[in-house]
Amino acid sequence: MTDYDLVIRGGTVATASDVFAADVAVSGGTIAAIGSGLGRGRTEIDARGRFVLPGGVDSHTHIEQMSSGGFVCSDTFETATKAALMGGTTTTISFVAQGRGESVARNADAYHALARAGAVTDYAFHLILADPTEEVLKGELPELVAAGHSSLKLFMTYDRVKLDDLQILDVLETARELGALVMAHAENHGMIEWLTRRLLDRGYTHARYHGVAHARAAEAEAFQRLIALAELVDQPVMLYHVSTAEGAAIVRQARGRGLKVYAETCPQYLFLTRGDMDRPGNEAAKFVYSPPGREAADGDALWAALAQGDLQLISSDHSPYAFDDTGKLRFSPTPNFKEIVSGMPGIEARLPLLFDAMVASGRFRLTDFVRWTASEPARLYGLAPQKGTIAPGADADIAIWDADKEITFADESVHDGARYTPYAGRTVRGWPVTTVRRGEVVVDDGRLLAAAGSGRFLARAAGEAAMPLGRPSPEFDPARNFGAVLR
């Protein structure tokens, strides 16, 4: 007779705070016990000599999504989440995208249907607001947030989706009322468009000039502006894909003043630079994403910002477009930098790249790796304690890592719909050889065992991260605004 459904024996278990040798037992999809000499399992995995880590939580992924350009990325929920599992990620948060004039609620139903049919990770959704009308803010969002969509994304650039400051304030205030977290792609649209026109008018068309058009100052200015707007209404915000040392410094300053400003970065800003766009011909298009790669010194600054706690997590910003006329080269076989479809794949490579750079190299602790890739995204987005840790009662989402296994990235080995990797030729040490999702082995030695549609939707409340400070600005304080009641 067995005591548990699954026992993982003899591994080195790590959480965001501790590393210890233990067995992990699973019953009914959740972790039932952690310790030594645990009872028998119906299935047992020998994890001696290996790390037993929480499955990754990738909180910023674009999957089967309508882009700001009006076309769908190269992944389906099945291909993207399969790639996630192969790379040790068991939970993904992607987006319900709204276009101008569209209903967020109807779009949410459509994305749910796609995910139910294909997803093999457990999943949640952020809501992209491109047209925050009164009907959307007051009529649709209350029910959507109550149904578990507790995070709202806005853009400060891109013609089809960008919001102006008035609209941003409406979104921030609505989020405050509903208890939702707001995230932003924050770049100054005017700076980018002005530089783009000047570059193209003067014949500077190659992909390398994408990095020039997206000025460093565009990130810094938009960060400062969004933080000021959020402080006015006392609403926490998450800044997406920090790419520059200046951007990280602005986050540090805001957090130093006690504001609830959170921020993430991505592997492309830690491992790639603007020099990757300086390649001949269309090959450079593989490295066009927004914000663009910066300088090696910015990568160093971002690592330091992570270590100091200024940045809280590392997501993939997986935005896959195939390297052909259905994707990156959609608008021209020889596109100028503005015509290149912006975005890059990364959902499968995220964890191995970071494990190699952090753990295998000895640069950071194993607990840091777990915190930035699993426990903090779970906590900030309302998925903890169900996701992001190994603890009794948590979902049994586990990646078993062979710390010595070396893999060289290659286009032919990727599993997502982009069918190429920007890290081709890079060798990493450390790989998730077994992935467990809710107690079920879903990847074993490179073989996917999960059925399409077996992932589950994760309804969530935003939790403490989205709670206002309760520190009203003078404009909202009747004692200082001549008695005006503004909320």
Protein backbone atom coordinates (compact mmCIF):
# COMPACT_ATOMS: atom_id res chain seq x y z
CA MET A 1 0.00 0.00 0.00
CA THR A 2 1.30 3.47 -0.87
CA ASP A 3 1.15 6.56 1.29
CA TYR A 4 1.43 9.19 -1.46
CA ASP A 5 0.80 9.64 -5.17
CA LEU A 6 4.38 10.76 -5.80
CA VAL A 7 7.58 10.95 -3.77
CA ILE A 8 10.66 12.81 -5.03
CA ARG A 9 13.54 11.37 -3.04
CA GLY A 10 16.97 12.53 -2.02
CA GLY A 11 17.16 15.87 -3.81
CA THR A 12 18.33 19.27 -2.67
CA VAL A 13 15.20 21.37 -2.21
CA ALA A 14 15.32 25.14 -2.58
CA THR A 15 12.82 27.88 -1.83
CA ALA A 16 13.30 31.64 -1.87
CA SER A 17 14.74 31.46 1.65
CA ASP A 18 16.22 28.01 2.28
CA VAL A 19 18.22 25.18 0.69
CA PHE A 20 18.05 21.74 2.32
CA ALA A 21 18.14 18.01 1.59
CA ALA A 22 14.70 16.39 1.75
CA ASP A 23 12.13 14.14 0.17
CA VAL A 24 9.00 15.77 -1.22
CA ALA A 25 5.71 13.88 -1.12
CA VAL A 26 2.64 14.70 -3.19
CA SER A 27 -1.01 13.74 -2.81
CA GLY A 28 -3.97 14.99 -4.82
CA GLY A 29 -1.82 17.42 -6.79
CA THR A 30 -0.49 19.30 -3.77
CA ILE A 31 2.60 18.92 -1.62
CA ALA A 32 1.67 16.73 1.33
CA ALA A 33 4.95 16.45 3.22
CA ILE A 34 8.61 17.47 3.14
CA GLY A 35 11.17 15.59 5.19
CA SER A 36 13.33 12.50 5.39
CA GLY A 37 12.21 8.89 5.38
CA LEU A 38 8.77 9.66 4.00
CA GLY A 39 6.40 6.83 3.16
CA ARG A 40 6.08 5.13 -0.20
CA GLY A 41 4.71 6.77 -3.30
CA ARG A 42 2.76 5.18 -6.12
CA THR A 43 5.39 6.85 -8.31
CA GLU A 44 8.88 7.64 -7.05
CA ILE A 45 11.59 9.81 -8.59
CA ASP A 46 15.23 9.50 -7.58
CA ALA A 47 16.50 13.09 -7.32
CA ARG A 48 19.83 12.35 -5.66
CA GLY A 49 22.46 14.80 -6.88
CA ARG A 50 19.84 17.12 -8.31
CA PHE A 51 18.06 20.31 -7.32
CA VAL A 52 14.34 20.17 -6.59
CA LEU A 53 12.99 23.66 -7.31
CA PRO A 54 9.57 25.28 -7.66
CA GLY A 55 8.30 25.33 -11.23
CA GLY A 56 8.94 28.70 -12.79
CA VAL A 57 6.27 31.40 -12.89
CA ASP A 58 6.58 33.50 -16.05
CA SER A 59 4.40 36.53 -15.43
CA HIS A 60 4.88 38.35 -18.76
CA THR A 61 4.17 36.29 -21.89
CA HIS A 62 2.36 37.05 -25.14
CA ILE A 63 0.54 33.92 -26.30
CA GLU A 64 -1.82 33.60 -29.28
CA GLN A 65 -2.31 37.34 -28.86
CA MET A 66 -3.45 40.01 -31.25
CA SER A 67 -0.56 42.46 -31.49
CA SER A 68 -0.69 46.25 -31.55
CA GLY A 69 -0.09 45.89 -35.31
CA GLY A 70 -3.29 43.90 -35.73
CA PHE A 71 -1.97 40.37 -36.25
CA VAL A 72 -1.47 37.32 -34.06
CA CYS A 73 1.91 36.18 -32.76
CA SER A 74 3.41 32.90 -33.94
CA ASP A 75 2.44 30.79 -30.92
CA THR A 76 -0.67 28.93 -29.93
CA PHE A 77 -1.34 28.23 -26.27
CA GLU A 78 -0.25 24.67 -26.90
CA THR A 79 3.12 25.51 -28.49
CA ALA A 80 3.99 28.33 -26.08
CA THR A 81 3.12 26.47 -22.90
CA LYS A 82 4.77 23.30 -24.17
CA ALA A 83 7.96 25.33 -24.57
CA ALA A 84 7.45 26.72 -21.08
CA LEU A 85 7.23 23.24 -19.55
CA MET A 86 10.32 22.10 -21.44
CA GLY A 87 12.20 24.99 -19.84
CA GLY A 88 10.95 24.30 -16.30
CA THR A 89 8.12 26.87 -16.19
CA THR A 90 4.79 25.52 -14.95
CA THR A 91 2.72 28.73 -14.64
CA THR A 92 2.29 31.44 -17.27
CA ILE A 93 0.47 34.75 -17.24
CA SER A 94 -0.37 36.10 -20.69
CA PHE A 95 -2.70 38.80 -21.96
CA VAL A 96 -6.25 39.46 -23.01
CA ALA A 97 -5.71 42.23 -25.57
CA GLN A 98 -8.24 44.96 -26.23
CA GLY A 99 -8.28 46.97 -29.45
CA ARG A 100 -9.96 50.32 -29.94
CA GLY A 101 -13.73 49.96 -29.77
CA GLU A 102 -13.61 46.40 -28.46
CA SER A 103 -15.13 44.81 -25.39
CA VAL A 104 -12.59 43.49 -22.88
CA ALA A 105 -15.17 41.04 -21.53
CA ARG A 106 -15.87 39.49 -24.94
CA ASN A 107 -12.16 39.29 -25.68
CA ALA A 108 -11.55 37.60 -22.33
CA ASP A 109 -14.06 34.89 -23.27
CA ALA A 110 -12.23 34.34 -26.57
CA TYR A 111 -8.81 34.02 -24.93
CA HIS A 112 -10.23 31.66 -22.30
CA ALA A 113 -11.49 29.40 -25.08
CA LEU A 114 -8.06 29.33 -26.74
CA ALA A 115 -6.29 28.55 -23.48
CA ARG A 116 -8.74 25.85 -22.44
CA ALA A 117 -8.13 24.08 -25.74
CA GLY A 118 -4.33 24.23 -25.72
CA ALA A 119 -2.57 25.27 -22.54
CA VAL A 120 -0.41 22.70 -20.76
CA THR A 121 0.81 25.05 -18.04
CA ASP A 122 -1.54 26.50 -15.46
CA TYR A 123 -2.31 30.04 -16.56
CA ALA A 124 -3.77 33.42 -15.73
CA PHE A 125 -4.44 36.58 -17.71
CA HIS A 126 -3.57 40.26 -17.50
CA LEU A 127 -6.01 42.64 -19.23
CA ILE A 128 -4.56 45.07 -21.80
CA LEU A 129 -6.58 48.30 -21.91
CA ALA A 130 -6.23 50.17 -25.20
CA ASP A 131 -9.62 51.89 -25.04
CA PRO A 132 -10.58 52.57 -21.39
CA THR A 133 -14.07 53.92 -21.98
CA GLU A 134 -16.58 54.47 -19.21
CA GLU A 135 -18.32 51.24 -20.22
CA VAL A 136 -15.08 49.29 -19.90
CA LEU A 137 -13.90 50.89 -16.66
CA LYS A 138 -17.22 50.91 -14.83
CA GLY A 139 -19.24 48.29 -16.66
CA GLU A 140 -16.78 45.48 -17.49
CA LEU A 141 -13.76 45.69 -15.22
CA PRO A 142 -15.52 45.15 -11.88
CA GLU A 143 -16.81 41.75 -12.99
CA LEU A 144 -13.55 40.81 -14.71
CA VAL A 145 -11.44 41.65 -11.65
CA ALA A 146 -13.88 39.77 -9.42
CA ALA A 147 -13.54 36.78 -11.76
CA GLY A 148 -9.78 36.67 -11.11
CA HIS A 149 -8.23 39.02 -13.67
CA SER A 150 -6.60 41.26 -11.10
CA SER A 151 -3.94 43.02 -13.20
CA LEU A 152 -4.30 45.66 -15.90
CA LYS A 153 -1.70 46.58 -18.51
CA LEU A 154 -1.38 49.88 -20.32
CA PHE A 155 0.93 51.14 -23.05
CA MET A 156 2.50 54.59 -23.23
CA THR A 157 3.64 54.03 -26.83
CA TYR A 158 2.45 52.34 -30.07
CA ASP A 159 -0.18 54.20 -32.08
CA ARG A 160 -2.98 51.62 -31.80
CA VAL A 161 -2.80 51.06 -28.05
CA LYS A 162 -1.10 54.01 -26.32
CA LEU A 163 -2.97 55.93 -23.64
CA ASP A 164 -2.58 59.60 -22.84
CA ASP A 165 -2.11 60.89 -19.30
CA LEU A 166 -5.83 61.49 -18.74
CA GLN A 167 -6.63 57.91 -19.73
CA ILE A 168 -3.80 56.58 -17.58
CA LEU A 169 -5.18 58.42 -14.56
CA ASP A 170 -8.63 56.91 -15.21
CA VAL A 171 -7.10 53.42 -15.32
CA LEU A 172 -5.04 54.00 -12.18
CA GLU A 173 -8.03 55.29 -10.22
CA THR A 174 -10.24 52.42 -11.41
CA ALA A 175 -7.57 49.89 -10.43
CA ARG A 176 -7.34 51.50 -7.00
CA GLU A 177 -11.10 51.16 -6.52
CA LEU A 178 -11.09 47.51 -7.64
CA GLY A 179 -7.90 46.37 -5.91
CA ALA A 180 -6.04 45.57 -9.14
CA LEU A 181 -2.37 46.01 -9.99
CA VAL A 182 -1.39 48.19 -12.96
CA MET A 183 1.56 47.33 -15.22
CA ALA A 184 2.96 49.47 -18.00
CA HIS A 185 5.08 49.40 -21.10
CA ALA A 186 6.53 52.82 -20.39
CA GLU A 187 8.36 54.65 -23.18
CA ASN A 188 7.87 58.20 -24.41
CA HIS A 189 5.99 57.83 -27.68
CA GLY A 190 6.83 61.28 -29.03
CA MET A 191 10.57 60.79 -28.64
CA ILE A 192 10.43 57.45 -30.45
CA GLU A 193 8.31 58.72 -33.34
CA TRP A 194 10.38 61.90 -33.77
CA LEU A 195 13.65 59.98 -33.90
CA THR A 196 12.15 57.33 -36.19
CA ARG A 197 11.09 59.93 -38.76
CA ARG A 198 14.47 61.66 -38.74
CA LEU A 199 16.33 58.36 -39.14
CA LEU A 200 14.17 57.12 -42.01
CA ASP A 201 14.17 60.50 -43.76
CA ARG A 202 17.97 60.39 -43.78
CA GLY A 203 18.16 56.84 -45.09
CA TYR A 204 19.09 55.08 -41.85
CA THR A 205 16.89 52.04 -42.33
CA HIS A 206 18.84 49.01 -41.03
CA ALA A 207 17.63 47.14 -37.96
CA ARG A 208 20.46 48.61 -35.88
CA TYR A 209 18.64 51.96 -35.90
CA HIS A 210 15.73 50.49 -33.96
CA GLY A 211 17.94 50.90 -30.91
CA VAL A 212 18.60 54.54 -31.77
CA ALA A 213 14.91 55.35 -32.26
CA HIS A 214 13.98 53.95 -28.86
CA ALA A 215 16.02 56.51 -26.96
CA ARG A 216 17.27 55.74 -23.48
CA ALA A 217 15.61 58.97 -22.36
CA ALA A 218 12.26 57.65 -23.63
CA GLU A 219 12.32 54.98 -20.93
CA ALA A 220 13.50 57.30 -18.17
CA GLU A 221 10.93 60.01 -18.93
CA ALA A 222 8.01 57.60 -19.13
CA PHE A 223 9.02 55.91 -15.88
CA GLN A 224 9.10 59.25 -14.09
CA ARG A 225 5.78 60.32 -15.57
CA LEU A 226 3.95 57.10 -14.72
CA ILE A 227 5.31 57.13 -11.18
CA ALA A 228 4.12 60.71 -10.74
CA LEU A 229 0.64 59.82 -12.01
CA ALA A 230 0.49 56.75 -9.77
CA GLU A 231 1.64 58.73 -6.74
CA LEU A 232 -1.06 61.33 -7.37
CA VAL A 233 -3.83 58.73 -6.99
CA ASP A 234 -1.94 56.44 -4.55
CA GLN A 235 -1.95 53.37 -6.82
CA PRO A 236 0.83 50.73 -6.94
CA VAL A 237 2.38 50.08 -10.37
CA MET A 238 4.67 47.56 -12.03
CA LEU A 239 7.16 48.82 -14.61
CA TYR A 240 7.76 46.28 -17.33
CA HIS A 241 11.06 45.23 -18.94
CA VAL A 242 13.48 47.73 -17.40
CA SER A 243 16.34 48.03 -19.90
CA THR A 244 18.60 50.89 -18.80
CA ALA A 245 20.69 51.88 -15.82
CA GLU A 246 18.75 55.17 -15.72
CA GLY A 247 15.44 53.32 -15.59
CA ALA A 248 16.63 51.16 -12.71
CA ALA A 249 17.84 54.27 -10.86
CA ILE A 250 14.41 55.89 -11.16
CA VAL A 251 12.79 52.78 -9.70
CA ARG A 252 15.30 52.79 -6.84
CA GLN A 253 14.58 56.43 -6.08
CA ALA A 254 10.82 55.89 -6.04
CA ARG A 255 11.06 52.84 -3.80
CA GLY A 256 13.43 54.76 -1.57
CA ARG A 257 10.61 57.26 -1.01
CA GLY A 258 8.40 54.41 0.11
CA LEU A 259 6.26 54.20 -3.02
CA LYS A 260 4.82 50.89 -4.10
CA VAL A 261 6.64 50.75 -7.41
CA TYR A 262 7.62 47.29 -8.66
CA ALA A 263 9.77 46.47 -11.65
CA GLU A 264 10.97 43.57 -13.74
CA THR A 265 13.65 42.94 -16.29
CA CYS A 266 14.12 40.17 -18.84
CA PRO A 267 16.98 37.90 -20.01
CA GLN A 268 17.42 39.88 -23.23
CA TYR A 269 18.47 42.93 -21.21
CA LEU A 270 20.88 40.87 -19.14
CA PHE A 271 22.49 38.84 -21.95
CA LEU A 272 22.04 40.75 -25.21
CA THR A 273 23.02 44.27 -26.28
CA ARG A 274 22.29 46.71 -29.08
CA GLY A 275 25.32 45.23 -30.86
CA ASP A 276 23.23 42.16 -31.65
CA MET A 277 21.22 44.30 -34.08
CA ASP A 278 24.40 45.27 -35.91
CA ARG A 279 24.35 42.18 -38.15
CA PRO A 280 24.20 41.91 -41.92
CA GLY A 281 20.89 41.86 -43.73
CA ASN A 282 17.76 40.43 -42.21
CA GLU A 283 19.61 38.38 -39.58
CA ALA A 284 19.51 41.50 -37.40
CA ALA A 285 15.70 41.38 -37.40
CA LYS A 286 15.81 38.46 -34.97
CA PHE A 287 17.09 40.88 -32.35
CA VAL A 288 14.52 43.64 -32.78
CA TYR A 289 12.36 43.91 -29.67
CA SER A 290 11.07 46.81 -27.59
CA PRO A 291 12.57 48.36 -25.58
CA PRO A 292 15.72 47.38 -27.50
CA GLY A 293 18.92 45.84 -26.23
CA ARG A 294 21.19 48.42 -24.64
CA GLU A 295 24.85 48.36 -23.52
CA ALA A 296 26.73 45.73 -21.55
CA ALA A 297 27.01 48.27 -18.74
CA ASP A 298 23.22 48.40 -18.54
CA GLY A 299 23.12 44.65 -18.04
CA ASP A 300 25.57 45.03 -15.15
CA ALA A 301 23.40 47.77 -13.67
CA LEU A 302 20.31 45.57 -13.92
CA TRP A 303 22.03 42.68 -12.15
CA ALA A 304 23.00 45.13 -9.40
CA ALA A 305 19.42 46.43 -9.22
CA LEU A 306 18.15 42.88 -8.77
CA ALA A 307 20.67 42.23 -6.00
CA GLN A 308 19.68 45.46 -4.26
CA GLY A 309 15.96 44.68 -4.43
CA ASP A 310 15.12 47.51 -6.82
CA LEU A 311 13.87 44.99 -9.41
CA GLN A 312 11.74 42.16 -8.08
CA LEU A 313 11.54 39.57 -10.84
CA ILE A 314 12.74 38.38 -14.24
CA SER A 315 10.10 37.53 -16.85
CA SER A 316 10.59 36.42 -20.44
CA ASP A 317 8.37 38.97 -22.25
CA HIS A 318 7.95 36.06 -24.67
CA SER A 319 6.70 37.68 -27.88
CA PRO A 320 7.31 35.18 -30.68
CA TYR A 321 7.28 35.92 -34.40
CA ALA A 322 8.67 33.47 -36.91
CA PHE A 323 11.64 34.59 -38.98
CA ASP A 324 9.69 34.66 -42.24
CA ASP A 325 6.89 36.50 -44.03
CA THR A 326 4.34 35.38 -41.43
CA GLY A 327 6.30 37.00 -38.63
CA LYS A 328 9.36 39.21 -38.41
CA LEU A 329 9.40 39.90 -42.17
CA ARG A 330 5.64 40.24 -42.50
CA PHE A 331 5.64 43.72 -44.06
CA SER A 332 8.60 43.40 -46.40
CA PRO A 333 11.20 40.83 -47.45
CA THR A 334 13.79 43.58 -46.85
CA PRO A 335 12.19 45.70 -44.12
CA ASN A 336 13.44 48.92 -42.64
CA PHE A 337 13.68 48.94 -38.85
CA LYS A 338 10.16 50.30 -38.38
CA GLU A 339 8.68 47.58 -40.61
CA ILE A 340 10.34 44.73 -38.69
CA VAL A 341 7.84 43.08 -36.36
CA SER A 342 9.13 43.74 -32.86
CA GLY A 343 9.38 40.90 -30.36
CA MET A 344 11.43 37.82 -29.52
CA PRO A 345 10.86 34.35 -28.10
CA GLY A 346 12.12 33.46 -24.64
CA ILE A 347 9.65 31.38 -22.65
CA GLU A 348 11.75 28.19 -22.87
CA ALA A 349 15.19 29.78 -22.54
CA ARG A 350 14.46 32.04 -19.54
CA LEU A 351 15.21 29.64 -16.69
CA PRO A 352 18.22 27.81 -18.19
CA LEU A 353 19.87 31.13 -19.12
CA LEU A 354 19.38 32.46 -15.61
CA PHE A 355 20.40 29.25 -13.86
CA ASP A 356 23.65 29.22 -15.81
CA ALA A 357 24.39 32.90 -15.16
CA MET A 358 23.34 32.88 -11.52
CA VAL A 359 23.79 29.43 -10.02
CA ALA A 360 26.26 27.56 -12.21
CA SER A 361 28.55 30.59 -12.25
CA GLY A 362 28.28 31.12 -8.50
CA ARG A 363 27.30 34.76 -9.02
CA PHE A 364 24.10 34.48 -7.00
CA ARG A 365 22.50 32.06 -4.57
CA LEU A 366 20.07 29.36 -5.54
CA THR A 367 17.50 31.13 -3.36
CA ASP A 368 17.88 34.27 -5.49
CA PHE A 369 17.15 32.24 -8.61
CA VAL A 370 13.98 30.83 -7.05
CA ARG A 371 12.87 34.23 -5.76
CA TRP A 372 13.26 36.14 -9.05
CA THR A 373 11.80 33.44 -11.30
CA ALA A 374 9.06 31.83 -9.19
CA SER A 375 8.21 33.08 -5.71
CA GLU A 376 8.17 36.85 -6.33
CA PRO A 377 6.08 36.75 -9.50
CA ALA A 378 3.67 34.43 -7.67
CA ARG A 379 3.49 36.78 -4.68
CA LEU A 380 3.14 40.03 -6.62
CA TYR A 381 0.45 38.68 -8.95
CA GLY A 382 -1.69 36.97 -6.32
CA LEU A 383 -0.69 33.36 -7.01
CA ALA A 384 1.06 32.68 -3.69
CA PRO A 385 1.11 30.47 -1.70
CA GLN A 386 -0.47 28.14 -4.28
CA LYS A 387 2.35 28.73 -6.77
CA GLY A 388 6.03 29.62 -6.67
CA THR A 389 7.26 27.60 -3.70
CA ILE A 390 7.76 24.10 -2.32
CA ALA A 391 5.77 23.93 0.90
CA PRO A 392 2.99 21.74 2.34
CA GLY A 393 -0.31 22.73 0.78
CA ALA A 394 1.21 24.37 -2.29
CA ASP A 395 0.55 22.98 -5.74
CA ALA A 396 3.12 20.32 -6.59
CA ASP A 397 4.71 22.32 -9.41
CA ILE A 398 8.34 21.20 -9.39
CA ALA A 399 11.31 21.29 -11.74
CA ILE A 400 14.13 18.82 -11.08
CA TRP A 401 17.43 20.26 -12.29
CA ASP A 402 20.60 18.51 -13.37
CA ALA A 403 23.10 21.23 -12.45
CA ASP A 404 25.84 19.69 -14.60
CA LYS A 405 23.92 19.07 -17.80
CA GLU A 406 25.15 21.27 -20.64
CA ILE A 407 22.90 22.30 -23.51
CA THR A 408 23.72 24.45 -26.52
CA PHE A 409 20.76 26.42 -27.82
CA ALA A 410 19.89 25.79 -31.46
CA ASP A 411 17.02 26.83 -33.73
CA GLU A 412 16.07 23.24 -34.46
CA SER A 413 15.60 22.37 -30.78
CA VAL A 414 13.08 25.06 -29.77
CA HIS A 415 9.45 24.20 -29.13
CA ASP A 416 7.65 27.55 -29.49
CA GLY A 417 6.10 28.94 -32.65
CA ALA A 418 8.93 31.34 -33.51
CA ARG A 419 11.06 28.34 -34.57
CA TYR A 420 14.30 30.17 -33.79
CA THR A 421 16.19 31.25 -30.70
CA PRO A 422 18.20 34.47 -30.37
CA TYR A 423 20.55 32.48 -28.14
CA ALA A 424 21.59 29.98 -30.83
CA GLY A 425 25.13 28.78 -30.19
CA ARG A 426 25.12 29.76 -26.49
CA THR A 427 25.90 26.88 -24.13
CA VAL A 428 24.39 26.80 -20.64
CA ARG A 429 25.13 24.53 -17.70
CA GLY A 430 22.11 23.36 -15.75
CA TRP A 431 18.85 22.07 -17.21
CA PRO A 432 15.42 20.98 -15.90
CA VAL A 433 15.32 17.28 -16.76
CA THR A 434 11.94 16.55 -15.15
CA THR A 435 8.98 18.90 -14.78
CA VAL A 436 6.02 18.16 -12.52
CA ARG A 437 2.76 20.09 -12.73
CA ARG A 438 0.27 19.58 -9.90
CA GLY A 439 1.89 16.24 -9.07
CA GLU A 440 1.86 14.93 -12.65
CA VAL A 441 5.13 14.37 -14.52
CA VAL A 442 4.64 16.47 -17.63
CA VAL A 443 8.22 16.51 -18.97
CA ASP A 444 10.67 13.66 -18.55
CA ASP A 445 14.11 13.75 -20.13
CA GLY A 446 13.00 15.93 -23.03
CA ARG A 447 9.67 14.18 -23.66
CA LEU A 448 6.45 16.14 -23.25
CA LEU A 449 3.79 14.06 -21.51
CA ALA A 450 1.04 16.64 -20.92
CA ALA A 451 -2.14 16.64 -22.99
CA ALA A 452 -3.21 19.81 -24.77
CA GLY A 453 -5.71 21.71 -22.64
CA SER A 454 -4.66 20.08 -19.37
CA GLY A 455 -3.57 23.40 -17.85
CA ARG A 456 -5.91 25.14 -15.42
CA PHE A 457 -7.03 28.75 -15.20
CA LEU A 458 -5.87 30.51 -12.05
CA ALA A 459 -8.35 33.06 -10.78
CA ARG A 460 -6.54 35.42 -8.43
CA ALA A 461 -6.91 38.53 -6.34
CA ALA A 462 -4.02 40.97 -6.53
CA GLY A 463 -3.40 40.90 -2.79
CA GLU A 464 -1.11 43.14 -0.77
CA ALA A 465 0.98 44.26 -3.74
CA ALA A 466 -1.95 46.21 -5.20
CA MET A 467 -3.12 47.79 -1.94
CA PRO A 468 -2.69 51.59 -1.83
CA LEU A 469 -0.34 53.05 0.75
CA GLY A 470 -3.13 55.10 2.26
CA ARG A 471 -0.92 58.14 1.87
CA PRO A 472 -3.04 60.64 -0.07
CA SER A 473 -1.43 63.37 -2.11
CA PRO A 474 -2.40 66.92 -1.09
CA GLU A 475 -4.91 67.10 -3.94
CA PHE A 476 -6.88 64.18 -2.45
CA ASP A 477 -6.64 65.25 1.20
CA PRO A 478 -9.64 67.41 2.28
CA ALA A 479 -7.52 68.85 5.06
CA ARG A 480 -5.18 70.30 2.46
CA ASN A 481 -7.39 70.86 -0.60
CA PHE A 482 -9.94 73.26 0.89
CA GLY A 483 -12.37 70.46 1.67
CA ALA A 484 -12.80 68.99 -1.80
CA VAL A 485 -13.85 65.31 -1.69
CA LEU A 486 -12.34 63.66 -4.79
CA ARG A 487 -13.02 60.02 -3.91
